[in-house]
């Protein structure tokens, strides 16, 4: 759909996606700091890639990001239920829709998936 200005995903889906991506990066970086705090592990992650500064700080970041993921998941589900998108896009899942989505993704094309 080159040259088309159609939106593939609604704003709620795009926003929850980027909130999840940010929360996951926080969880990964704080998880690396938690990893570094363990005394017998054979390698350490460079400190500029970690978050929290020490075990307690990293644990706080990790659990805070976890709760952001939980709340964001509830926003996504609620939005999907009220808009009807959750039912339209996910139930029932058809094999031809999965194959189409896979082809679009592997070709790096933007298309109307699930048709």
Protein backbone atom coordinates (compact mmCIF):
# COMPACT_ATOMS: atom_id res chain seq x y z
CA UNK A 1 0.00 0.00 0.00
CA UNK A 2 2.67 2.42 -1.03
CA UNK A 3 1.61 6.04 -0.95
CA UNK A 4 -1.44 5.29 1.18
CA UNK A 5 -2.09 7.31 4.30
CA UNK A 6 -4.34 4.68 5.87
CA UNK A 7 -3.61 3.77 9.45
CA UNK A 8 -3.00 0.09 10.09
CA UNK A 9 -3.46 0.26 13.86
CA UNK A 10 -5.59 2.64 15.92
CA UNK A 11 -3.97 5.15 18.25
CA UNK A 12 -4.65 3.06 21.38
CA UNK A 13 -2.77 0.09 19.91
CA UNK A 14 0.18 2.23 18.81
CA UNK A 15 0.41 3.98 22.20
CA UNK A 16 0.24 0.76 24.22
CA UNK A 17 2.86 -0.78 21.93
CA UNK A 18 5.39 1.99 22.60
CA UNK A 19 4.64 2.03 26.32
CA UNK A 20 5.29 -1.73 26.36
CA UNK A 21 8.52 -1.30 24.38
CA UNK A 22 9.76 1.31 26.85
CA UNK A 23 8.78 -0.77 29.88
CA UNK A 24 10.52 -3.82 28.40
CA UNK A 25 13.74 -1.85 27.86
CA UNK A 26 13.58 -0.75 31.51
CA UNK A 27 13.05 -4.36 32.59
CA UNK A 28 15.95 -5.60 30.45
CA UNK A 29 18.36 -2.94 31.66
CA UNK A 30 17.39 -3.34 35.32
CA UNK A 31 17.54 -7.11 34.89
CA UNK A 32 21.13 -6.77 33.70
CA UNK A 33 21.93 -4.80 36.87
CA UNK A 34 20.29 -7.57 38.92
CA UNK A 35 22.41 -10.08 36.99
CA UNK A 36 25.57 -8.09 37.76
CA UNK A 37 24.76 -8.18 41.49
CA UNK A 38 25.08 -11.97 41.61
CA UNK A 39 28.60 -12.83 42.83
CA UNK A 40 29.19 -16.14 41.04
CA UNK A 41 28.01 -15.41 37.50
CA UNK A 42 30.91 -15.66 35.04
CA UNK A 43 30.43 -12.33 33.22
CA UNK A 44 29.11 -8.84 33.86
CA UNK A 45 27.12 -6.50 31.66
CA UNK A 46 28.82 -3.09 31.18
CA UNK A 47 27.38 -0.60 33.67
CA UNK A 48 26.36 1.91 30.97
CA UNK A 49 23.84 -0.69 29.74
CA UNK A 50 22.28 -1.24 33.16
CA UNK A 51 19.70 0.65 35.18
CA UNK A 52 19.36 1.08 38.92
CA UNK A 53 22.95 1.54 40.09
CA UNK A 54 22.75 -1.24 42.69
CA UNK A 55 20.65 -4.31 43.44
CA UNK A 56 17.95 -2.46 45.39
CA UNK A 57 17.57 0.29 42.79
CA UNK A 58 17.49 -2.20 39.94
CA UNK A 59 14.82 -4.23 41.71
CA UNK A 60 12.68 -1.12 42.19
CA UNK A 61 12.95 -0.19 38.50
CA UNK A 62 12.19 -3.79 37.52
CA UNK A 63 9.00 -4.03 39.58
CA UNK A 64 7.85 -0.53 38.59
CA UNK A 65 8.15 -1.48 34.90
CA UNK A 66 6.30 -4.72 35.60
CA UNK A 67 3.32 -2.78 36.98
CA UNK A 68 3.41 -0.45 33.97
CA UNK A 69 3.12 -3.56 31.76
CA UNK A 70 0.19 -4.87 33.81
CA UNK A 71 -1.68 -1.55 33.70
CA UNK A 72 -0.90 -1.08 30.01
CA UNK A 73 -2.17 -4.58 29.23
CA UNK A 74 -5.44 -3.77 30.97
CA UNK A 75 -5.75 -0.54 28.94
CA UNK A 76 -5.11 -2.51 25.73
CA UNK A 77 -7.69 -5.18 26.58
CA UNK A 78 -10.30 -2.66 27.73
CA UNK A 79 -9.81 -0.53 24.62
CA UNK A 80 -10.02 -3.61 22.40
CA UNK A 81 -13.18 -4.86 24.07
CA UNK A 82 -15.02 -1.53 23.92
CA UNK A 83 -14.01 -0.81 20.32
CA UNK A 84 -14.79 -4.35 19.14
CA UNK A 85 -11.30 -4.62 17.63
CA UNK A 86 -10.30 -7.49 19.91
CA UNK A 87 -13.11 -9.66 18.61
CA UNK A 88 -12.69 -8.62 14.96
CA UNK A 89 -8.93 -9.18 14.89
CA UNK A 90 -8.41 -12.19 17.15
CA UNK A 91 -11.52 -14.41 17.20
CA UNK A 92 -11.64 -16.70 15.36
CA UNK A 93 -8.07 -16.80 14.08
CA UNK A 94 -8.03 -18.24 10.57
CA UNK A 95 -5.08 -20.04 9.00
CA UNK A 96 -5.19 -17.96 5.80
CA UNK A 97 -5.04 -14.76 7.87
CA UNK A 98 -1.96 -16.00 9.75
CA UNK A 99 -0.24 -16.97 6.48
CA UNK A 100 -1.08 -13.57 4.95
CA UNK A 101 0.25 -11.70 8.01
CA UNK A 102 3.45 -13.78 7.94
CA UNK A 103 4.02 -13.04 4.25
CA UNK A 104 3.46 -9.31 4.78
CA UNK A 105 5.84 -9.28 7.76
CA UNK A 106 8.57 -11.24 5.96
CA UNK A 107 8.35 -8.98 2.92
CA UNK A 108 8.64 -5.87 5.14
CA UNK A 109 5.46 -4.48 3.61
CA UNK A 110 2.69 -2.63 5.30
CA UNK A 111 -0.60 -4.20 4.41
CA UNK A 112 -4.03 -4.83 5.74
CA UNK A 113 -3.20 -7.94 7.67
CA UNK A 114 -5.78 -10.57 8.50
CA UNK A 115 -7.95 -10.18 5.39
